[in-house]
Each structure stands twice: as C-alpha cells, then as structure tokens.
C-alpha cells in the first residue's frame, strides 16, 4: 500500500521554495492495513468517562489539524482503531488514563482516530504509548481531535518508542472555548521516520495551548514537525517548547507558527526550539514564524542549536562517569521538563532506558 501526501505539515505562510521547508511531500510504501487488536483505556479514571467505539461528532465540525487534511483523510479512510472519550460536565478526572499500543509481527499497523471531548469545567490526563518489535517494521498513523469546552482542561501525553524500522506520524487538531486549556507533551524518540503536526485553534477568550516536545535523532533518522497556534480569543495564550538532540546523519525540520488573528487583543504567544548536536553531518532546520493581524499582542520566538559542550562532558568523565553515562545524564537533564509531565514512573523509566540504548549509536567525541 502506498501512503502519498503532497502537502503535509504545510507552513501557513510560504517562504522561498528553494529552502525546501514549505511542506512535506511523502510517497512511501507501508504494510497492508488489517484489523488491529482491540485496545482498551486503562486506569482508575476510566470509570468516570464515557467511551464509545466511534466518532460521534460530524466531520465538518472537527478542528483542522497540524499535518493537514490529506493526512486526516488517510486516517478517516483506513482507520483500524477508533474511539471517542467524553469527560462529563464538571468532572475532573484526577487519575491519569492510559492507552498502551504495542506493534508486533501479528499486528504491525495501527491507524487510529481518537476524539477527546472535555465538557464544560471538566479535566482529563490521557497518556498514550507506542512501542514495537524491530522485526515488525511497524507503521503508526494517528489522528487526535481535542475539544476543550468552557474552562475545561485536556492533558495529552504521547510517548513514541518505536524501533528503528518503524514509521510514525501524529496529526493533532485542538480547539478551545472560553477559558479552555490544552496541554500536549510529545516524546518523539523512536522510529526511523517520525512526523508530527499540531494545530491549536484558540477560539475562546482566556484560552490556552501549551506544547512541550522532546526528540532524538540518530543514524539516518528523519523528523518533521509542524506546530501552529491560531489566536482568535482575547487574552489567549500559547507556548511551544521543543528540546531535541541530533546525531549521525539524521535530519530534522521544525516549523513553529504563532498567528494572532484580528480580535485577539491582549494575547501572548511564545515558541522556543533548542537542539543539541552530536555530529557534523546532520541536517537541522528551524522555521519560527509569527504572524500578526492584531496590534495589542506579544509574540516571542527563539531557536538555538549547538554542539555538546566538551568541557562539561570531560568534567563529568573526570568524576568517574563513562562517556556514554555522561551523555545520558546531559540528555536526561535536557529532556527533564517534558519527561516529568509523564504521570507514571514505569513509563519515565522506559524513556530513560530507550534514550540510553539509542546513545549506543552516537560515536565518541
């Protein structure tokens, strides 16, 4: 089966074509899509939710998504896992809810569509993990719709730990009403090719979007990110923080856009993308963009990349650490803020061990 995307992760405002960052074009063969074993949400918080095995909202009322309509339509047409999670009005689910996917030789392809609808004054934390077997040559395509009603809060945490042979994309659309908040944490650590798109529509006054992402590229891994925050409501807030590390001949593109629409007075947006470089042969591209149709707003962006500080590394090694352990400690500190958003010790430990394993591919300084 061929997955073809002609305009995925598209910049809202195009720049010079020769830079090669306006969009992602993809033509890739993927395994045939078959029924996937039914996976149920877990945790004490599940009993407080309404979960259905279908999308109960009309497609024309769903938010737009970060990767775009082509990627969303692919999921609509080919999904083998679907659910709607509704948090009833006023219900604050204190315990996190977990969905754990494992892609194996018998079930190598997951194409999921998930809608999270938090009704007025409600709150939920959902943690979704993706793991797999090397021999499975796994494919994961995910589509998440997040709708936070008035004063509702959605915390979505995605932890992607697929093996090198895996291919993964995550396509998210978020929508917030007055006072609504969406918090997204992405740990994009696995797979040979990983794509992520997030689009937040801050429609209500005093609504918020927060994105915290970590990534690690080694060998010839390819990563492509597109995050967009559209401010419509007054006094709305967004921030996007992306911390990553690259090694080998890996390639990464990050597009981050904050767009203040007319009427979004008093709004604030900030984005920062910071990359540790372990090798000279990587390709690292950052495209921070701020668009403004309203005067009384505040927008900030920053992008910084640099090689790991050898003085710090050798200092730590002089205290008895191996180079591998010293690098692992520095990466853990780099990733710490996002990892601490994961409300489960066993998953945090898996992230730590996974990063340590990938460091085996990083050549010594």
Protein backbone atom coordinates (compact mmCIF):
# COMPACT_ATOMS: atom_id res chain seq x y z
CA UNK A 1 0.00 0.00 0.00
CA UNK A 2 1.25 3.50 -0.87
CA UNK A 3 0.89 6.44 1.51
CA UNK A 4 1.11 9.63 -0.53
CA UNK A 5 0.93 13.10 0.99
CA UNK A 6 1.51 16.03 -1.35
CA UNK A 7 1.15 18.89 1.14
CA UNK A 8 1.56 17.74 4.73
CA UNK A 9 2.92 19.91 7.56
CA UNK A 10 2.40 22.98 5.42
CA UNK A 11 3.63 26.38 6.57
CA UNK A 12 0.70 28.83 6.94
CA UNK A 13 2.75 31.44 5.08
CA UNK A 14 5.09 30.13 2.39
CA UNK A 15 8.71 31.16 2.18
CA UNK A 16 11.33 30.68 -0.58
CA UNK A 17 10.71 27.37 -2.35
CA UNK A 18 14.42 26.57 -2.65
CA UNK A 19 14.66 26.30 1.15
CA UNK A 20 12.53 23.14 0.97
CA UNK A 21 10.53 23.86 4.14
CA UNK A 22 7.11 24.95 2.87
CA UNK A 23 5.59 21.50 3.18
CA UNK A 24 6.34 17.81 3.48
CA UNK A 25 5.89 15.60 0.43
CA UNK A 26 5.68 11.92 1.16
CA UNK A 27 5.40 8.84 -1.05
CA UNK A 28 6.08 5.71 0.90
CA UNK A 29 5.11 2.07 0.82
CA UNK A 30 3.53 0.86 4.05
CA UNK A 31 2.28 -2.59 5.11
CA UNK A 32 -1.30 -3.55 4.28
CA UNK A 33 -3.75 -2.31 6.87
CA UNK A 34 -5.58 -5.10 8.69
CA UNK A 35 -7.82 -5.20 11.76
CA UNK A 36 -5.90 -4.32 14.91
CA UNK A 37 -6.43 -5.99 18.25
CA UNK A 38 -8.85 -4.02 20.37
CA UNK A 39 -7.06 -1.93 22.99
CA UNK A 40 -8.98 -0.54 25.96
CA UNK A 41 -8.09 2.55 28.01
CA UNK A 42 -6.76 1.67 31.46
CA UNK A 43 -6.61 3.28 34.87
CA UNK A 44 -8.86 4.29 37.73
CA UNK A 45 -10.04 7.34 35.83
CA UNK A 46 -11.70 5.25 33.09
CA UNK A 47 -14.86 4.64 35.13
CA UNK A 48 -15.54 8.40 35.19
CA UNK A 49 -15.54 8.71 31.40
CA UNK A 50 -17.94 7.95 28.57
CA UNK A 51 -16.07 5.91 25.92
CA UNK A 52 -17.58 4.90 22.59
CA UNK A 53 -16.03 2.98 19.72
CA UNK A 54 -16.92 5.54 17.07
CA UNK A 55 -16.54 9.22 16.30
CA UNK A 56 -19.81 10.75 17.50
CA UNK A 57 -19.17 14.22 16.07
CA UNK A 58 -19.74 15.33 12.44
CA UNK A 59 -16.51 15.55 10.46
CA UNK A 60 -17.30 19.08 9.28
CA UNK A 61 -17.26 20.27 12.91
CA UNK A 62 -13.89 18.76 13.76
CA UNK A 63 -10.85 21.04 14.19
CA UNK A 64 -8.32 21.38 11.42
CA UNK A 65 -5.06 19.54 12.05
CA UNK A 66 -1.34 20.26 12.06
CA UNK A 67 -0.43 17.81 9.30
CA UNK A 68 -3.39 18.88 7.18
CA UNK A 69 -6.43 17.36 5.51
CA UNK A 70 -4.57 14.80 3.39
CA UNK A 71 -3.20 13.07 6.47
CA UNK A 72 -6.55 13.36 8.26
CA UNK A 73 -8.41 11.87 5.30
CA UNK A 74 -5.99 8.95 5.15
CA UNK A 75 -6.92 8.12 8.75
CA UNK A 76 -10.65 8.54 8.07
CA UNK A 77 -10.50 6.08 5.20
CA UNK A 78 -8.15 3.47 6.69
CA UNK A 79 -8.54 3.52 10.48
CA UNK A 80 -8.46 0.22 12.35
CA UNK A 81 -8.80 1.73 15.83
CA UNK A 82 -11.36 4.39 16.77
CA UNK A 83 -12.78 5.85 19.95
CA UNK A 84 -14.40 8.93 21.43
CA UNK A 85 -13.58 9.81 25.03
CA UNK A 86 -16.04 12.22 26.63
CA UNK A 87 -15.41 13.82 30.01
CA UNK A 88 -18.80 14.76 31.52
CA UNK A 89 -19.53 18.34 32.53
CA UNK A 90 -17.79 19.37 35.74
CA UNK A 91 -15.98 16.02 36.11
CA UNK A 92 -12.30 16.43 36.99
CA UNK A 93 -10.68 13.04 36.46
CA UNK A 94 -7.85 13.04 38.99
CA UNK A 95 -6.22 9.75 37.96
CA UNK A 96 -4.49 9.57 34.54
CA UNK A 97 -5.93 7.33 31.83
CA UNK A 98 -3.54 5.14 29.80
CA UNK A 99 -3.71 3.66 26.29
CA UNK A 100 -0.78 1.36 25.54
CA UNK A 101 -0.12 0.18 21.98
CA UNK A 102 2.45 -2.43 21.00
CA UNK A 103 3.05 -3.15 17.32
CA UNK A 104 4.20 -6.72 16.69
CA UNK A 105 4.62 -9.02 13.70
CA UNK A 106 0.99 -10.15 14.02
CA UNK A 107 -0.27 -6.55 14.39
CA UNK A 108 2.32 -4.27 12.71
CA UNK A 109 -0.04 -1.49 11.55
CA UNK A 110 -2.03 0.89 13.75
CA UNK A 111 -4.21 3.59 12.18
CA UNK A 112 -6.08 5.33 14.96
CA UNK A 113 -8.65 8.11 15.21
CA UNK A 114 -9.33 9.42 18.71
CA UNK A 115 -11.59 12.25 19.80
CA UNK A 116 -11.30 13.71 23.28
CA UNK A 117 -14.20 15.96 24.23
CA UNK A 118 -13.91 17.66 27.61
CA UNK A 119 -17.25 19.21 28.51
CA UNK A 120 -17.56 22.47 30.47
CA UNK A 121 -15.45 22.59 33.63
CA UNK A 122 -14.01 19.09 33.19
CA UNK A 123 -10.43 17.82 33.14
CA UNK A 124 -8.57 14.74 31.87
CA UNK A 125 -5.00 13.46 31.52
CA UNK A 126 -4.51 10.86 28.79
CA UNK A 127 -1.19 9.06 28.29
CA UNK A 128 -0.70 7.14 25.03
CA UNK A 129 2.39 4.99 24.47
CA UNK A 130 3.65 3.34 21.27
CA UNK A 131 6.18 0.50 21.31
CA UNK A 132 7.04 -2.25 18.86
CA UNK A 133 9.24 -5.13 17.76
CA UNK A 134 12.17 -4.49 15.42
CA UNK A 135 11.10 -7.27 13.05
CA UNK A 136 7.53 -5.94 12.81
CA UNK A 137 8.56 -3.00 10.56
CA UNK A 138 5.70 -1.15 12.21
CA UNK A 139 3.58 1.68 10.84
CA UNK A 140 1.57 4.03 13.03
CA UNK A 141 -0.69 6.81 11.82
CA UNK A 142 -2.57 8.74 14.49
CA UNK A 143 -5.28 11.39 14.35
CA UNK A 144 -6.36 13.15 17.55
CA UNK A 145 -9.13 15.70 17.84
CA UNK A 146 -9.12 17.63 21.13
CA UNK A 147 -12.11 19.82 22.04
CA UNK A 148 -11.90 21.70 25.35
CA UNK A 149 -15.20 23.36 26.25
CA UNK A 150 -15.54 26.36 28.58
CA UNK A 151 -12.99 26.16 31.42
CA UNK A 152 -12.13 22.53 30.53
CA UNK A 153 -8.59 21.12 30.57
CA UNK A 154 -7.14 18.38 28.35
CA UNK A 155 -3.67 16.97 29.03
CA UNK A 156 -2.48 14.69 26.22
CA UNK A 157 0.87 12.91 26.60
CA UNK A 158 2.24 10.83 23.72
CA UNK A 159 5.33 8.65 24.17
CA UNK A 160 6.65 7.17 20.92
CA UNK A 161 9.32 4.46 21.40
CA UNK A 162 9.08 2.50 18.16
CA UNK A 163 12.20 0.68 16.86
CA UNK A 164 14.37 1.97 14.02
CA UNK A 165 12.33 0.07 11.44
CA UNK A 166 9.13 1.87 12.45
CA UNK A 167 7.38 4.70 10.60
CA UNK A 168 5.13 7.05 12.57
CA UNK A 169 3.01 10.15 12.16
CA UNK A 170 0.87 12.00 14.67
CA UNK A 171 -1.72 14.51 13.43
CA UNK A 172 -3.46 16.65 16.05
CA UNK A 173 -6.17 19.30 15.92
CA UNK A 174 -7.13 21.15 19.11
CA UNK A 175 -9.95 23.60 19.76
CA UNK A 176 -10.56 25.65 22.92
CA UNK A 177 -13.60 27.57 24.12
CA UNK A 178 -13.54 30.38 26.70
CA UNK A 179 -11.06 29.54 29.43
CA UNK A 180 -10.34 26.12 27.91
CA UNK A 181 -6.84 24.70 28.02
CA UNK A 182 -4.99 22.06 26.01
CA UNK A 183 -1.60 20.77 27.17
CA UNK A 184 0.28 18.44 24.79
CA UNK A 185 3.50 16.61 25.62
CA UNK A 186 5.20 14.62 22.86
CA UNK A 187 8.20 12.34 23.35
CA UNK A 188 9.26 11.63 19.75
CA UNK A 189 12.16 9.31 20.45
CA UNK A 190 11.65 6.30 18.16
CA UNK A 191 11.08 5.18 14.61
CA UNK A 192 13.24 5.65 11.54
CA UNK A 193 10.86 8.31 10.22
CA UNK A 194 8.71 10.40 12.56
CA UNK A 195 6.28 13.18 11.62
CA UNK A 196 4.23 15.36 13.93
CA UNK A 197 1.70 18.12 13.27
CA UNK A 198 -0.24 20.12 15.88
CA UNK A 199 -2.76 22.88 15.16
CA UNK A 200 -4.38 24.73 18.06
CA UNK A 201 -7.43 26.91 17.43
CA UNK A 202 -7.68 29.25 20.45
CA UNK A 203 -11.22 30.39 19.79
CA UNK A 204 -12.31 31.44 23.28
CA UNK A 205 -11.17 34.36 25.38
CA UNK A 206 -8.55 33.43 28.01
CA UNK A 207 -7.98 30.04 26.37
CA UNK A 208 -4.56 28.35 26.30
CA UNK A 209 -2.40 25.94 24.29
CA UNK A 210 0.83 24.51 25.73
CA UNK A 211 3.12 22.17 23.78
CA UNK A 212 6.22 20.52 25.25
CA UNK A 213 8.18 18.19 22.93
CA UNK A 214 11.42 16.23 23.08
CA UNK A 215 13.03 14.34 20.18
CA UNK A 216 16.18 12.37 19.47
CA UNK A 217 17.54 11.65 16.03
CA UNK A 218 20.45 9.33 15.32
CA UNK A 219 21.81 7.31 12.36
CA UNK A 220 19.81 8.37 9.26
CA UNK A 221 16.59 9.11 11.10
CA UNK A 222 14.21 11.74 9.66
CA UNK A 223 11.99 14.01 11.77
CA UNK A 224 9.46 16.58 10.56
CA UNK A 225 7.44 18.86 12.85
CA UNK A 226 4.77 21.50 12.21
CA UNK A 227 3.17 23.31 15.17
CA UNK A 228 0.67 26.13 14.71
CA UNK A 229 -1.19 28.23 17.29
CA UNK A 230 -4.02 30.36 15.90
CA UNK A 231 -5.15 33.02 18.38
CA UNK A 232 -8.74 34.21 17.95
CA UNK A 233 -9.89 34.86 21.52
CA UNK A 234 -8.87 37.84 23.60
CA UNK A 235 -6.12 37.29 26.19
CA UNK A 236 -5.41 33.82 24.81
CA UNK A 237 -2.02 32.25 25.48
CA UNK A 238 0.22 29.75 23.72
CA UNK A 239 3.69 28.41 24.26
CA UNK A 240 5.63 25.76 22.38
CA UNK A 241 8.90 24.39 23.75
CA UNK A 242 10.86 21.84 21.71
CA UNK A 243 14.10 20.30 23.01
CA UNK A 244 15.96 17.81 20.85
CA UNK A 245 19.25 16.12 20.09
CA UNK A 246 20.64 15.00 16.72
CA UNK A 247 23.49 12.64 15.80
CA UNK A 248 24.80 10.66 12.85
CA UNK A 249 23.31 11.80 9.54
CA UNK A 250 19.83 12.45 10.93
CA UNK A 251 17.61 15.19 9.51
CA UNK A 252 15.08 17.41 11.24
CA UNK A 253 12.75 20.23 10.21
CA UNK A 254 10.77 22.21 12.78
CA UNK A 255 8.10 24.69 11.71
CA UNK A 256 6.59 26.72 14.53
CA UNK A 257 3.91 29.34 13.84
CA UNK A 258 2.06 31.73 16.14
CA UNK A 259 -0.73 33.58 14.33
CA UNK A 260 -2.55 36.43 16.09
CA UNK A 261 -5.85 36.87 14.29
CA UNK A 262 -7.83 40.12 14.23
CA UNK A 263 -9.62 40.49 17.54
CA UNK A 264 -7.11 38.53 19.64
CA UNK A 265 -6.08 41.59 21.64
CA UNK A 266 -4.12 41.02 24.81
CA UNK A 267 -2.92 37.62 23.63
CA UNK A 268 0.54 36.18 24.21
CA UNK A 269 2.48 33.54 22.30
CA UNK A 270 5.96 32.13 22.67
CA UNK A 271 7.93 29.40 20.94
CA UNK A 272 11.41 28.04 21.53
CA UNK A 273 13.33 25.26 19.77
CA UNK A 274 16.68 24.10 21.13
CA UNK A 275 18.89 21.37 19.69
CA UNK A 276 21.99 19.55 20.90
CA UNK A 277 24.25 18.47 18.03
CA UNK A 278 26.42 15.38 18.46
CA UNK A 279 27.83 15.22 14.91
CA UNK A 280 28.75 17.45 11.98
CA UNK A 281 26.83 15.62 9.24
CA UNK A 282 23.30 16.22 10.48
CA UNK A 283 20.73 18.49 8.83
CA UNK A 284 18.91 20.76 11.27
CA UNK A 285 16.36 23.32 10.04
CA UNK A 286 14.17 25.56 12.22
CA UNK A 287 11.47 27.88 10.87
CA UNK A 288 10.00 30.03 13.66
CA UNK A 289 7.20 32.25 12.35
CA UNK A 290 4.99 34.91 13.94
CA UNK A 291 2.03 36.34 12.02
CA UNK A 292 0.12 39.31 13.34
CA UNK A 293 -3.30 40.74 12.43
CA UNK A 294 -3.79 42.48 15.80
CA UNK A 295 -1.74 45.23 17.41
CA UNK A 296 -2.08 44.63 21.15
CA UNK A 297 -0.33 41.26 21.35
CA UNK A 298 3.01 39.81 22.46
CA UNK A 299 4.88 37.22 20.39
CA UNK A 300 8.30 35.74 21.06
CA UNK A 301 10.35 33.11 19.28
CA UNK A 302 13.78 31.60 19.72
CA UNK A 303 15.80 28.88 18.03
CA UNK A 304 19.23 27.72 19.11
CA UNK A 305 21.46 24.78 18.22
CA UNK A 306 24.98 23.89 19.21
CA UNK A 307 27.38 21.04 19.81
CA UNK A 308 27.51 19.36 23.18
CA UNK A 309 29.95 21.23 25.44
CA UNK A 310 33.08 19.10 25.55
CA UNK A 311 34.36 20.82 28.70
CA UNK A 312 31.25 19.78 30.62
CA UNK A 313 31.45 16.28 29.19
CA UNK A 314 35.10 15.79 30.12
CA UNK A 315 34.50 17.28 33.57
CA UNK A 316 31.79 14.69 34.23
CA UNK A 317 34.05 11.92 32.87
CA UNK A 318 36.83 13.09 35.21
CA UNK A 319 34.45 12.35 38.07
CA UNK A 320 34.29 8.68 37.10
CA UNK A 321 31.45 8.59 34.54
CA UNK A 322 31.89 6.86 31.21
CA UNK A 323 31.32 8.99 28.11
CA UNK A 324 28.05 7.16 27.46
CA UNK A 325 26.80 7.75 31.01
CA UNK A 326 27.86 11.40 30.90
CA UNK A 327 25.98 11.94 27.63
CA UNK A 328 22.95 10.13 29.02
CA UNK A 329 22.95 12.37 32.09
CA UNK A 330 23.19 15.51 29.95
CA UNK A 331 20.35 14.32 27.71
CA UNK A 332 18.18 13.44 30.69
CA UNK A 333 18.67 16.96 32.03
CA UNK A 334 17.83 18.34 28.56
CA UNK A 335 14.64 16.26 28.41
CA UNK A 336 13.71 16.55 32.09
CA UNK A 337 10.89 19.15 31.90
CA UNK A 338 8.89 17.18 29.31
CA UNK A 339 9.54 13.76 30.86
CA UNK A 340 8.27 14.98 34.23
CA UNK A 341 4.88 15.58 32.60
CA UNK A 342 4.50 11.79 32.32
CA UNK A 343 2.46 10.73 35.39
CA UNK A 344 3.85 7.16 35.57
CA UNK A 345 7.23 6.10 36.89
CA UNK A 346 7.41 2.95 34.73
CA UNK A 347 6.97 4.98 31.53
CA UNK A 348 9.56 7.54 32.63
CA UNK A 349 12.00 4.67 33.22
CA UNK A 350 11.25 3.26 29.77
CA UNK A 351 12.05 6.64 28.24
CA UNK A 352 15.34 6.78 30.13
CA UNK A 353 16.37 3.28 29.05
CA UNK A 354 15.31 3.90 25.46
CA UNK A 355 17.44 7.05 25.24
CA UNK A 356 20.38 5.18 26.74
CA UNK A 357 20.02 2.47 24.09
CA UNK A 358 19.97 4.97 21.25
CA UNK A 359 23.11 6.62 22.59
CA UNK A 360 24.96 3.45 21.59
CA UNK A 361 24.68 4.74 18.01
CA UNK A 362 26.42 8.03 18.85
CA UNK A 363 30.12 7.99 18.09
CA UNK A 364 32.54 9.19 20.77
CA UNK A 365 33.76 12.80 20.67
